[in-house]
C-alpha cells in the first residue's frame, strides 16, 4: 500500500537487474534526459549499455493503480515520450546473442529487433493488453517468431480469446511455435506450459507486498538468466529457472520502483531460493 511517483522502471531495467546475477546482459533501449543519469547509475557493473539510445524526448511513462486484494491493476495510462522516435539498433557483435528477451514494447520495435538477430538459440517475448487489443496485426508476426512467451492470466485469455487460462494455454501453444508459455499468476506464482509437461511454481510469500511493477520482467530475467547460465533446457533446468523467476519477482515487489533489486546480492538470491525449495519439499 502506498504511492510512488517518478520511480525508475521499464522492462529493460527490471530485466537487467534480475538477469545479471546469472549471465552477461546487453541492453537495447531508449531513455530520455529526465531519467538518463538515474538509469545509468542503477545498472550493475558489467551490463553492456552500448545499445541504449539517449533521446531528447522525456522517458516513456506508465501510470496505474494496483489492488492487492483482487490482484488487479487498473487506471492504466502511458505517455510514449522517447518511444515515439525509438529506432532499436543491436550492435553488430551482439546480433548472435544466444538468448534474447523482447520486453513489452510496441510490436513494430520488437519486429525491428527480430530482424537484426542472427541465429539466436532462444527468443522470448512479452506484450500487454494494449497491444493485443489495438495492434494485433503488427503483434502476430512477432508472436510467430518466439520460442517462449511471457503473459499474465488476463493477457493470455485476451490473446487466445479464451474463457480460462488452461484453454488459453492450449490455444496459444497450438497457434504459435512456442517451446514454452509462461503464465504469470501474481500471488499464485507462475506456470510453464510445454508440450512435454506443465510446471507450476508458487510465489515466494512477501509481507507486505508493496509494488508489483516490474515483477513480470524480473520473472523473465530470473528464468532466462538461469537458462543462459546453464545453457540447458531440460526439465530440471526449466523447473529451477521457474524457481529463480519467482525469487527475483519476490524481491521486486518488496519496494517501490527498483529499490528491492538495485543493491541485491547473489547470496540473498540463493538464501531465498533455498527457502522456496524447502517450501516445495515440505508440500510434497
C-alpha atoms as a PDB file:
ATOM      1  CA  UNK A   1       0.000   0.000   0.000  1.00  0.00           C
ATOM      2  CA  UNK A   2       1.284   3.460  -0.809  1.00  0.00           C
ATOM      3  CA  UNK A   3       2.100   5.855  -3.625  1.00  0.00           C
ATOM      4  CA  UNK A   4       5.187   6.367  -5.731  1.00  0.00           C
ATOM      5  CA  UNK A   5       5.866   8.998  -8.373  1.00  0.00           C
ATOM      6  CA  UNK A   6       8.751   9.303 -10.833  1.00  0.00           C
ATOM      7  CA  UNK A   7      10.147   5.895  -9.957  1.00  0.00           C
ATOM      8  CA  UNK A   8      12.674   4.408 -12.371  1.00  0.00           C
ATOM      9  CA  UNK A   9      11.253   1.377 -14.164  1.00  0.00           C
ATOM     10  CA  UNK A  10      10.978  -0.144 -17.603  1.00  0.00           C
ATOM     11  CA  UNK A  11      11.294  -3.683 -18.942  1.00  0.00           C
ATOM     12  CA  UNK A  12      14.988  -3.294 -19.730  1.00  0.00           C
ATOM     13  CA  UNK A  13      15.735  -2.007 -16.233  1.00  0.00           C
ATOM     14  CA  UNK A  14      13.959  -4.743 -14.277  1.00  0.00           C
ATOM     15  CA  UNK A  15      15.108  -7.492 -16.621  1.00  0.00           C
ATOM     16  CA  UNK A  16      18.758  -6.444 -16.433  1.00  0.00           C
ATOM     17  CA  UNK A  17      18.693  -6.146 -12.641  1.00  0.00           C
ATOM     18  CA  UNK A  18      17.342  -9.696 -12.382  1.00  0.00           C
ATOM     19  CA  UNK A  19      19.293 -11.428 -15.162  1.00  0.00           C
ATOM     20  CA  UNK A  20      22.754 -10.019 -14.437  1.00  0.00           C
ATOM     21  CA  UNK A  21      23.053 -12.286 -11.385  1.00  0.00           C
ATOM     22  CA  UNK A  22      23.222 -15.252 -13.758  1.00  0.00           C
ATOM     23  CA  UNK A  23      24.755 -14.183 -17.065  1.00  0.00           C
ATOM     24  CA  UNK A  24      26.083 -11.260 -19.114  1.00  0.00           C
ATOM     25  CA  UNK A  25      23.354  -8.786 -20.077  1.00  0.00           C
ATOM     26  CA  UNK A  26      23.244  -6.485 -23.097  1.00  0.00           C
ATOM     27  CA  UNK A  27      20.565  -3.797 -23.207  1.00  0.00           C
ATOM     28  CA  UNK A  28      18.900  -2.203 -26.228  1.00  0.00           C
ATOM     29  CA  UNK A  29      16.580   0.600 -25.111  1.00  0.00           C
ATOM     30  CA  UNK A  30      15.932   4.326 -25.163  1.00  0.00           C
ATOM     31  CA  UNK A  31      15.831   6.777 -22.275  1.00  0.00           C
ATOM     32  CA  UNK A  32      15.107  10.493 -22.037  1.00  0.00           C
ATOM     33  CA  UNK A  33      17.076  13.218 -20.221  1.00  0.00           C
ATOM     34  CA  UNK A  34      14.739  13.023 -17.218  1.00  0.00           C
ATOM     35  CA  UNK A  35      15.927   9.514 -16.308  1.00  0.00           C
ATOM     36  CA  UNK A  36      19.180   9.040 -18.216  1.00  0.00           C
ATOM     37  CA  UNK A  37      21.577   9.608 -15.314  1.00  0.00           C
ATOM     38  CA  UNK A  38      19.404   7.653 -12.891  1.00  0.00           C
ATOM     39  CA  UNK A  39      19.202   4.710 -15.304  1.00  0.00           C
ATOM     40  CA  UNK A  40      22.965   4.582 -15.866  1.00  0.00           C
ATOM     41  CA  UNK A  41      23.606   4.742 -12.118  1.00  0.00           C
ATOM     42  CA  UNK A  42      21.164   1.890 -11.463  1.00  0.00           C
ATOM     43  CA  UNK A  43      22.722  -0.503 -13.975  1.00  0.00           C
ATOM     44  CA  UNK A  44      25.094  -3.028 -12.392  1.00  0.00           C
ATOM     45  CA  UNK A  45      28.731  -3.087 -13.411  1.00  0.00           C
ATOM     46  CA  UNK A  46      29.270  -5.262 -16.464  1.00  0.00           C
ATOM     47  CA  UNK A  47      25.895  -4.688 -18.116  1.00  0.00           C
ATOM     48  CA  UNK A  48      26.577  -3.693 -21.742  1.00  0.00           C
ATOM     49  CA  UNK A  49      24.747  -0.435 -22.483  1.00  0.00           C
ATOM     50  CA  UNK A  50      26.062   0.284 -25.982  1.00  0.00           C
ATOM     51  CA  UNK A  51      22.569  -0.335 -27.357  1.00  0.00           C
ATOM     52  CA  UNK A  52      20.961   2.324 -25.143  1.00  0.00           C
ATOM     53  CA  UNK A  53      19.969   5.457 -27.068  1.00  0.00           C
ATOM     54  CA  UNK A  54      19.679   8.817 -25.324  1.00  0.00           C
ATOM     55  CA  UNK A  55      16.595  10.702 -26.536  1.00  0.00           C
ATOM     56  CA  UNK A  56      15.757  14.378 -26.319  1.00  0.00           C
ATOM     57  CA  UNK A  57      12.154  13.432 -25.528  1.00  0.00           C
ATOM     58  CA  UNK A  58      11.003  12.511 -21.982  1.00  0.00           C
ATOM     59  CA  UNK A  59      11.282   8.866 -20.957  1.00  0.00           C
ATOM     60  CA  UNK A  60       8.260   6.603 -21.530  1.00  0.00           C
ATOM     61  CA  UNK A  61       5.953   6.790 -18.506  1.00  0.00           C
ATOM     62  CA  UNK A  62       3.405   4.328 -17.176  1.00  0.00           C
ATOM     63  CA  UNK A  63       0.816   5.199 -14.518  1.00  0.00           C
ATOM     64  CA  UNK A  64      -1.531   2.737 -12.829  1.00  0.00           C
ATOM     65  CA  UNK A  65      -3.258   1.638  -9.627  1.00  0.00           C
ATOM     66  CA  UNK A  66      -2.885  -1.854  -8.168  1.00  0.00           C
ATOM     67  CA  UNK A  67      -5.207  -3.581  -5.707  1.00  0.00           C
ATOM     68  CA  UNK A  68      -3.509  -6.453  -3.889  1.00  0.00           C
ATOM     69  CA  UNK A  69      -6.839  -7.664  -2.544  1.00  0.00           C
ATOM     70  CA  UNK A  70      -8.097  -8.509  -6.016  1.00  0.00           C
ATOM     71  CA  UNK A  71      -4.718  -8.704  -7.740  1.00  0.00           C
ATOM     72  CA  UNK A  72      -5.939  -6.313 -10.444  1.00  0.00           C
ATOM     73  CA  UNK A  73      -4.172  -3.352 -11.998  1.00  0.00           C
ATOM     74  CA  UNK A  74      -6.431  -0.540 -13.208  1.00  0.00           C
ATOM     75  CA  UNK A  75      -6.493   3.088 -14.373  1.00  0.00           C
ATOM     76  CA  UNK A  76      -3.547   2.394 -16.654  1.00  0.00           C
ATOM     77  CA  UNK A  77      -2.254   5.256 -18.772  1.00  0.00           C
ATOM     78  CA  UNK A  78       1.028   5.753 -20.572  1.00  0.00           C
ATOM     79  CA  UNK A  79       2.967   8.501 -22.353  1.00  0.00           C
ATOM     80  CA  UNK A  80       5.184   7.319 -25.209  1.00  0.00           C
ATOM     81  CA  UNK A  81       7.787  10.079 -24.913  1.00  0.00           C
ATOM     82  CA  UNK A  82      11.140   8.768 -26.167  1.00  0.00           C
ATOM     83  CA  UNK A  83       9.489   5.682 -27.684  1.00  0.00           C
ATOM     84  CA  UNK A  84       7.825   7.889 -30.292  1.00  0.00           C
ATOM     85  CA  UNK A  85      11.155   8.087 -32.133  1.00  0.00           C
ATOM     86  CA  UNK A  86      12.807   4.869 -30.953  1.00  0.00           C
ATOM     87  CA  UNK A  87      14.922   3.038 -33.524  1.00  0.00           C
ATOM     88  CA  UNK A  88      16.370  -0.059 -31.817  1.00  0.00           C
ATOM     89  CA  UNK A  89      19.766  -0.988 -33.222  1.00  0.00           C
ATOM     90  CA  UNK A  90      21.689  -4.026 -31.980  1.00  0.00           C
ATOM     91  CA  UNK A  91      25.483  -3.594 -32.134  1.00  0.00           C
ATOM     92  CA  UNK A  92      26.877  -5.979 -34.745  1.00  0.00           C
ATOM     93  CA  UNK A  93      28.836  -8.062 -32.247  1.00  0.00           C
ATOM     94  CA  UNK A  94      25.621  -8.676 -30.249  1.00  0.00           C
ATOM     95  CA  UNK A  95      23.379  -9.892 -33.048  1.00  0.00           C
ATOM     96  CA  UNK A  96      24.209 -13.538 -32.396  1.00  0.00           C
ATOM     97  CA  UNK A  97      23.353 -13.286 -28.685  1.00  0.00           C
ATOM     98  CA  UNK A  98      22.116 -16.809 -27.739  1.00  0.00           C
ATOM     99  CA  UNK A  99      19.153 -15.765 -25.574  1.00  0.00           C
ATOM    100  CA  UNK A 100      17.079 -12.668 -26.324  1.00  0.00           C
ATOM    101  CA  UNK A 101      14.186 -11.124 -24.419  1.00  0.00           C
ATOM    102  CA  UNK A 102      11.820  -8.692 -26.146  1.00  0.00           C
ATOM    103  CA  UNK A 103      10.340  -6.596 -23.370  1.00  0.00           C
ATOM    104  CA  UNK A 104       6.799  -5.269 -23.516  1.00  0.00           C
ATOM    105  CA  UNK A 105       7.001  -2.531 -26.149  1.00  0.00           C
ATOM    106  CA  UNK A 106       5.271  -1.704 -29.391  1.00  0.00           C
ATOM    107  CA  UNK A 107       5.281  -4.731 -31.724  1.00  0.00           C
ATOM    108  CA  UNK A 108       6.970  -2.776 -34.518  1.00  0.00           C
ATOM    109  CA  UNK A 109      10.019  -2.261 -32.308  1.00  0.00           C
ATOM    110  CA  UNK A 110      10.051  -5.933 -31.348  1.00  0.00           C
ATOM    111  CA  UNK A 111       9.940  -6.783 -35.060  1.00  0.00           C
ATOM    112  CA  UNK A 112      12.881  -4.466 -35.756  1.00  0.00           C
ATOM    113  CA  UNK A 113      14.935  -6.306 -33.144  1.00  0.00           C
ATOM    114  CA  UNK A 114      13.935  -9.709 -34.509  1.00  0.00           C
ATOM    115  CA  UNK A 115      15.031  -8.683 -37.999  1.00  0.00           C
ATOM    116  CA  UNK A 116      18.546  -7.935 -36.703  1.00  0.00           C
ATOM    117  CA  UNK A 117      19.112 -11.228 -34.860  1.00  0.00           C
ATOM    118  CA  UNK A 118      21.466 -13.883 -36.195  1.00  0.00           C
ATOM    119  CA  UNK A 119      20.793 -17.486 -35.206  1.00  0.00           C
ATOM    120  CA  UNK A 120      19.773 -16.912 -31.585  1.00  0.00           C
ATOM    121  CA  UNK A 121      19.165 -20.128 -29.630  1.00  0.00           C
ATOM    122  CA  UNK A 122      16.122 -18.854 -27.739  1.00  0.00           C
ATOM    123  CA  UNK A 123      13.992 -15.756 -28.327  1.00  0.00           C
ATOM    124  CA  UNK A 124      11.411 -14.840 -25.698  1.00  0.00           C
ATOM    125  CA  UNK A 125       8.930 -12.006 -25.592  1.00  0.00           C
ATOM    126  CA  UNK A 126       6.306 -10.186 -23.577  1.00  0.00           C
ATOM    127  CA  UNK A 127       3.418  -7.923 -24.518  1.00  0.00           C
ATOM    128  CA  UNK A 128       0.429  -6.197 -22.925  1.00  0.00           C
ATOM    129  CA  UNK A 129      -3.314  -5.980 -23.422  1.00  0.00           C
ATOM    130  CA  UNK A 130      -2.996  -2.565 -25.089  1.00  0.00           C
ATOM    131  CA  UNK A 131      -1.022  -4.063 -27.969  1.00  0.00           C
ATOM    132  CA  UNK A 132      -3.131  -7.235 -28.074  1.00  0.00           C
ATOM    133  CA  UNK A 133      -6.253  -5.119 -28.424  1.00  0.00           C
ATOM    134  CA  UNK A 134      -5.049  -2.242 -30.616  1.00  0.00           C
ATOM    135  CA  UNK A 135      -2.033  -3.556 -32.562  1.00  0.00           C
ATOM    136  CA  UNK A 136      -2.901  -7.194 -33.236  1.00  0.00           C
ATOM    137  CA  UNK A 137      -1.873  -7.179 -36.938  1.00  0.00           C
ATOM    138  CA  UNK A 138       1.611  -5.946 -36.003  1.00  0.00           C
ATOM    139  CA  UNK A 139       1.852  -8.265 -32.991  1.00  0.00           C
ATOM    140  CA  UNK A 140       1.019 -11.528 -34.806  1.00  0.00           C
ATOM    141  CA  UNK A 141       4.255 -11.744 -36.872  1.00  0.00           C
ATOM    142  CA  UNK A 142       6.254 -11.201 -33.669  1.00  0.00           C
ATOM    143  CA  UNK A 143       4.448 -13.970 -31.794  1.00  0.00           C
ATOM    144  CA  UNK A 144       5.050 -16.365 -34.679  1.00  0.00           C
ATOM    145  CA  UNK A 145       8.827 -15.978 -34.246  1.00  0.00           C
ATOM    146  CA  UNK A 146       9.034 -16.509 -30.480  1.00  0.00           C
ATOM    147  CA  UNK A 147      10.280 -19.605 -28.662  1.00  0.00           C
ATOM    148  CA  UNK A 148       8.955 -18.510 -25.242  1.00  0.00           C
ATOM    149  CA  UNK A 149       6.134 -16.121 -24.414  1.00  0.00           C
ATOM    150  CA  UNK A 150       5.516 -14.466 -21.027  1.00  0.00           C
ATOM    151  CA  UNK A 151       1.948 -13.311 -20.273  1.00  0.00           C
ATOM    152  CA  UNK A 152      -0.231 -12.743 -17.251  1.00  0.00           C
ATOM    153  CA  UNK A 153      -3.565 -14.527 -16.955  1.00  0.00           C
ATOM    154  CA  UNK A 154      -5.666 -11.696 -18.396  1.00  0.00           C
ATOM    155  CA  UNK A 155      -3.278 -11.155 -21.305  1.00  0.00           C
ATOM    156  CA  UNK A 156      -3.271 -14.858 -22.159  1.00  0.00           C
ATOM    157  CA  UNK A 157      -7.058 -15.110 -22.172  1.00  0.00           C
ATOM    158  CA  UNK A 158      -7.398 -11.912 -24.201  1.00  0.00           C
ATOM    159  CA  UNK A 159      -4.826 -13.031 -26.770  1.00  0.00           C
ATOM    160  CA  UNK A 160      -6.343 -16.513 -27.112  1.00  0.00           C
ATOM    161  CA  UNK A 161      -9.953 -15.285 -26.859  1.00  0.00           C
ATOM    162  CA  UNK A 162     -10.481 -17.951 -24.205  1.00  0.00           C
ATOM    163  CA  UNK A 163     -12.523 -18.136 -21.029  1.00  0.00           C
ATOM    164  CA  UNK A 164      -9.951 -19.941 -18.872  1.00  0.00           C
ATOM    165  CA  UNK A 165      -6.189 -19.917 -18.518  1.00  0.00           C
ATOM    166  CA  UNK A 166      -5.937 -23.612 -19.380  1.00  0.00           C
ATOM    167  CA  UNK A 167      -7.940 -23.110 -22.559  1.00  0.00           C
ATOM    168  CA  UNK A 168      -5.810 -20.087 -23.432  1.00  0.00           C
ATOM    169  CA  UNK A 169      -2.576 -22.015 -22.900  1.00  0.00           C
ATOM    170  CA  UNK A 170      -3.729 -24.795 -25.196  1.00  0.00           C
ATOM    171  CA  UNK A 171      -4.793 -22.416 -27.950  1.00  0.00           C
ATOM    172  CA  UNK A 172      -1.630 -20.320 -27.810  1.00  0.00           C
ATOM    173  CA  UNK A 173       0.707 -23.290 -27.872  1.00  0.00           C
ATOM    174  CA  UNK A 174      -1.097 -24.769 -30.854  1.00  0.00           C
ATOM    175  CA  UNK A 175      -1.351 -21.432 -32.685  1.00  0.00           C
ATOM    176  CA  UNK A 176       2.323 -20.462 -32.398  1.00  0.00           C
ATOM    177  CA  UNK A 177       5.594 -22.429 -32.479  1.00  0.00           C
ATOM    178  CA  UNK A 178       6.268 -21.825 -28.786  1.00  0.00           C
ATOM    179  CA  UNK A 179       8.603 -24.166 -26.936  1.00  0.00           C
ATOM    180  CA  UNK A 180       7.232 -22.716 -23.725  1.00  0.00           C
ATOM    181  CA  UNK A 181       4.478 -20.431 -22.462  1.00  0.00           C
ATOM    182  CA  UNK A 182       4.905 -18.825 -19.036  1.00  0.00           C
ATOM    183  CA  UNK A 183       1.667 -17.621 -17.441  1.00  0.00           C
ATOM    184  CA  UNK A 184       2.281 -15.222 -14.560  1.00  0.00           C
ATOM    185  CA  UNK A 185      -0.331 -15.556 -11.816  1.00  0.00           C
ATOM    186  CA  UNK A 186       0.690 -12.855  -9.332  1.00  0.00           C
ATOM    187  CA  UNK A 187       0.317 -14.159  -5.763  1.00  0.00           C
ATOM    188  CA  UNK A 188      -0.448 -17.578  -7.268  1.00  0.00           C
ATOM    189  CA  UNK A 189       3.052 -17.941  -8.714  1.00  0.00           C
ATOM    190  CA  UNK A 190       3.598 -18.894 -12.353  1.00  0.00           C
ATOM    191  CA  UNK A 191       3.083 -21.870 -14.650  1.00  0.00           C
ATOM    192  CA  UNK A 192       5.226 -23.018 -17.565  1.00  0.00           C
ATOM    193  CA  UNK A 193       3.293 -24.838 -20.272  1.00  0.00           C
ATOM    194  CA  UNK A 194       5.317 -27.055 -22.610  1.00  0.00           C
ATOM    195  CA  UNK A 195       4.382 -29.883 -24.926  1.00  0.00           C
ATOM    196  CA  UNK A 196       6.168 -32.352 -22.663  1.00  0.00           C
ATOM    197  CA  UNK A 197       4.959 -31.111 -19.278  1.00  0.00           C
ATOM    198  CA  UNK A 198       3.417 -28.351 -17.181  1.00  0.00           C
ATOM    199  CA  UNK A 199       5.498 -26.849 -14.374  1.00  0.00           C
ATOM    200  CA  UNK A 200       3.871 -24.730 -11.678  1.00  0.00           C
ATOM    201  CA  UNK A 201       5.899 -22.888  -9.050  1.00  0.00           C
ATOM    202  CA  UNK A 202       4.233 -20.947  -6.213  1.00  0.00           C
ATOM    203  CA  UNK A 203       5.106 -17.349  -5.451  1.00  0.00           C
ATOM    204  CA  UNK A 204       7.551 -16.581  -2.665  1.00  0.00           C
ATOM    205  CA  UNK A 205       5.491 -15.019   0.164  1.00  0.00           C
ATOM    206  CA  UNK A 206       6.319 -11.366   0.842  1.00  0.00           C
ATOM    207  CA  UNK A 207       4.645  -9.476   3.661  1.00  0.00           C
ATOM    208  CA  UNK A 208       3.667  -6.862   2.880  1.00  0.00           C
ATOM    209  CA  UNK A 209       3.893  -6.679  -0.907  1.00  0.00           C
ATOM    210  CA  UNK A 210       4.414  -3.074  -1.938  1.00  0.00           C
ATOM    211  CA  UNK A 211       4.599  -2.680  -5.710  1.00  0.00           C
ATOM    212  CA  UNK A 212       4.078  -5.297  -8.453  1.00  0.00           C
ATOM    213  CA  UNK A 213       5.514  -3.022 -11.146  1.00  0.00           C
ATOM    214  CA  UNK A 214       8.338  -4.795 -12.966  1.00  0.00           C
ATOM    215  CA  UNK A 215       7.694  -8.187 -11.376  1.00  0.00           C
ATOM    216  CA  UNK A 216       6.904  -9.741 -14.753  1.00  0.00           C
ATOM    217  CA  UNK A 217      10.207  -8.526 -16.208  1.00  0.00           C
ATOM    218  CA  UNK A 218      12.006  -9.871 -13.145  1.00  0.00           C
ATOM    219  CA  UNK A 219      10.299 -13.224 -13.763  1.00  0.00           C
ATOM    220  CA  UNK A 220      11.698 -13.231 -17.297  1.00  0.00           C
ATOM    221  CA  UNK A 221      15.116 -12.130 -16.027  1.00  0.00           C
ATOM    222  CA  UNK A 222      15.350 -14.911 -13.467  1.00  0.00           C
ATOM    223  CA  UNK A 223      14.046 -17.564 -15.852  1.00  0.00           C
ATOM    224  CA  UNK A 224      16.121 -16.664 -18.904  1.00  0.00           C
ATOM    225  CA  UNK A 225      19.150 -15.724 -16.818  1.00  0.00           C
ATOM    226  CA  UNK A 226      19.296 -19.218 -15.348  1.00  0.00           C
ATOM    227  CA  UNK A 227      18.919 -20.824 -18.786  1.00  0.00           C
ATOM    228  CA  UNK A 228      21.725 -18.610 -20.083  1.00  0.00           C
ATOM    229  CA  UNK A 229      23.921 -19.646 -17.180  1.00  0.00           C
ATOM    230  CA  UNK A 230      23.330 -23.378 -17.598  1.00  0.00           C
ATOM    231  CA  UNK A 231      22.877 -23.447 -21.395  1.00  0.00           C
ATOM    232  CA  UNK A 232      20.350 -26.232 -20.872  1.00  0.00           C
ATOM    233  CA  UNK A 233      16.628 -26.631 -21.490  1.00  0.00           C
ATOM    234  CA  UNK A 234      15.885 -29.967 -19.844  1.00  0.00           C
ATOM    235  CA  UNK A 235      13.054 -30.436 -17.289  1.00  0.00           C
ATOM    236  CA  UNK A 236      15.324 -29.993 -14.259  1.00  0.00           C
ATOM    237  CA  UNK A 237      16.816 -26.749 -15.618  1.00  0.00           C
ATOM    238  CA  UNK A 238      13.406 -25.377 -16.534  1.00  0.00           C
ATOM    239  CA  UNK A 239      11.984 -26.112 -13.088  1.00  0.00           C
ATOM    240  CA  UNK A 240      14.971 -24.401 -11.488  1.00  0.00           C
ATOM    241  CA  UNK A 241      14.560 -21.462 -13.878  1.00  0.00           C
ATOM    242  CA  UNK A 242      10.928 -21.105 -12.783  1.00  0.00           C
ATOM    243  CA  UNK A 243      12.013 -21.050  -9.160  1.00  0.00           C
ATOM    244  CA  UNK A 244      14.567 -18.330  -9.825  1.00  0.00           C
ATOM    245  CA  UNK A 245      11.839 -16.425 -11.669  1.00  0.00           C
ATOM    246  CA  UNK A 246       9.676 -16.427  -8.541  1.00  0.00           C
ATOM    247  CA  UNK A 247      12.601 -15.468  -6.325  1.00  0.00           C
ATOM    248  CA  UNK A 248      13.514 -12.453  -8.449  1.00  0.00           C
ATOM    249  CA  UNK A 249       9.881 -11.329  -8.586  1.00  0.00           C
ATOM    250  CA  UNK A 250       9.644 -11.507  -4.797  1.00  0.00           C
ATOM    251  CA  UNK A 251      12.493  -9.017  -4.362  1.00  0.00           C
ATOM    252  CA  UNK A 252      10.911  -6.680  -6.908  1.00  0.00           C
ATOM    253  CA  UNK A 253       7.537  -6.387  -5.154  1.00  0.00           C
ATOM    254  CA  UNK A 254       9.028  -5.648  -1.727  1.00  0.00           C
ATOM    255  CA  UNK A 255       9.705  -1.995  -2.566  1.00  0.00           C
ATOM    256  CA  UNK A 256       8.594   0.720  -4.953  1.00  0.00           C
ATOM    257  CA  UNK A 257      10.453   1.101  -8.214  1.00  0.00           C
ATOM    258  CA  UNK A 258      13.764  -0.818  -8.355  1.00  0.00           C
ATOM    259  CA  UNK A 259      14.750  -0.416  -4.705  1.00  0.00           C
ATOM    260  CA  UNK A 260      14.271  -4.116  -3.991  1.00  0.00           C
ATOM    261  CA  UNK A 261      16.692  -5.015  -6.800  1.00  0.00           C
ATOM    262  CA  UNK A 262      19.382  -2.378  -7.159  1.00  0.00           C
ATOM    263  CA  UNK A 263      21.561  -3.480  -4.217  1.00  0.00           C
ATOM    264  CA  UNK A 264      20.624  -7.156  -4.299  1.00  0.00           C
ATOM    265  CA  UNK A 265      23.443  -9.674  -3.920  1.00  0.00           C
ATOM    266  CA  UNK A 266      23.575 -13.215  -5.255  1.00  0.00           C
ATOM    267  CA  UNK A 267      23.923 -14.560  -1.719  1.00  0.00           C
ATOM    268  CA  UNK A 268      20.496 -13.150  -0.832  1.00  0.00           C
ATOM    269  CA  UNK A 269      19.055 -14.662  -4.005  1.00  0.00           C
ATOM    270  CA  UNK A 270      20.372 -18.100  -3.050  1.00  0.00           C
ATOM    271  CA  UNK A 271      19.076 -17.808   0.504  1.00  0.00           C
ATOM    272  CA  UNK A 272      15.576 -17.105  -0.746  1.00  0.00           C
ATOM    273  CA  UNK A 273      15.935 -19.834  -3.357  1.00  0.00           C
ATOM    274  CA  UNK A 274      16.737 -22.331  -0.604  1.00  0.00           C
ATOM    275  CA  UNK A 275      13.596 -21.300   1.290  1.00  0.00           C
ATOM    276  CA  UNK A 276      11.487 -21.842  -1.833  1.00  0.00           C
ATOM    277  CA  UNK A 277      12.985 -25.291  -2.389  1.00  0.00           C
ATOM    278  CA  UNK A 278      12.355 -26.210   1.251  1.00  0.00           C
ATOM    279  CA  UNK A 279       8.763 -24.984   0.906  1.00  0.00           C
ATOM    280  CA  UNK A 280       8.266 -27.200  -2.146  1.00  0.00           C
ATOM    281  CA  UNK A 281       9.761 -30.232  -0.406  1.00  0.00           C
ATOM    282  CA  UNK A 282       7.568 -29.725   2.660  1.00  0.00           C
ATOM    283  CA  UNK A 283       4.456 -29.549   0.470  1.00  0.00           C
ATOM    284  CA  UNK A 284       5.287 -32.769  -1.436  1.00  0.00           C
END
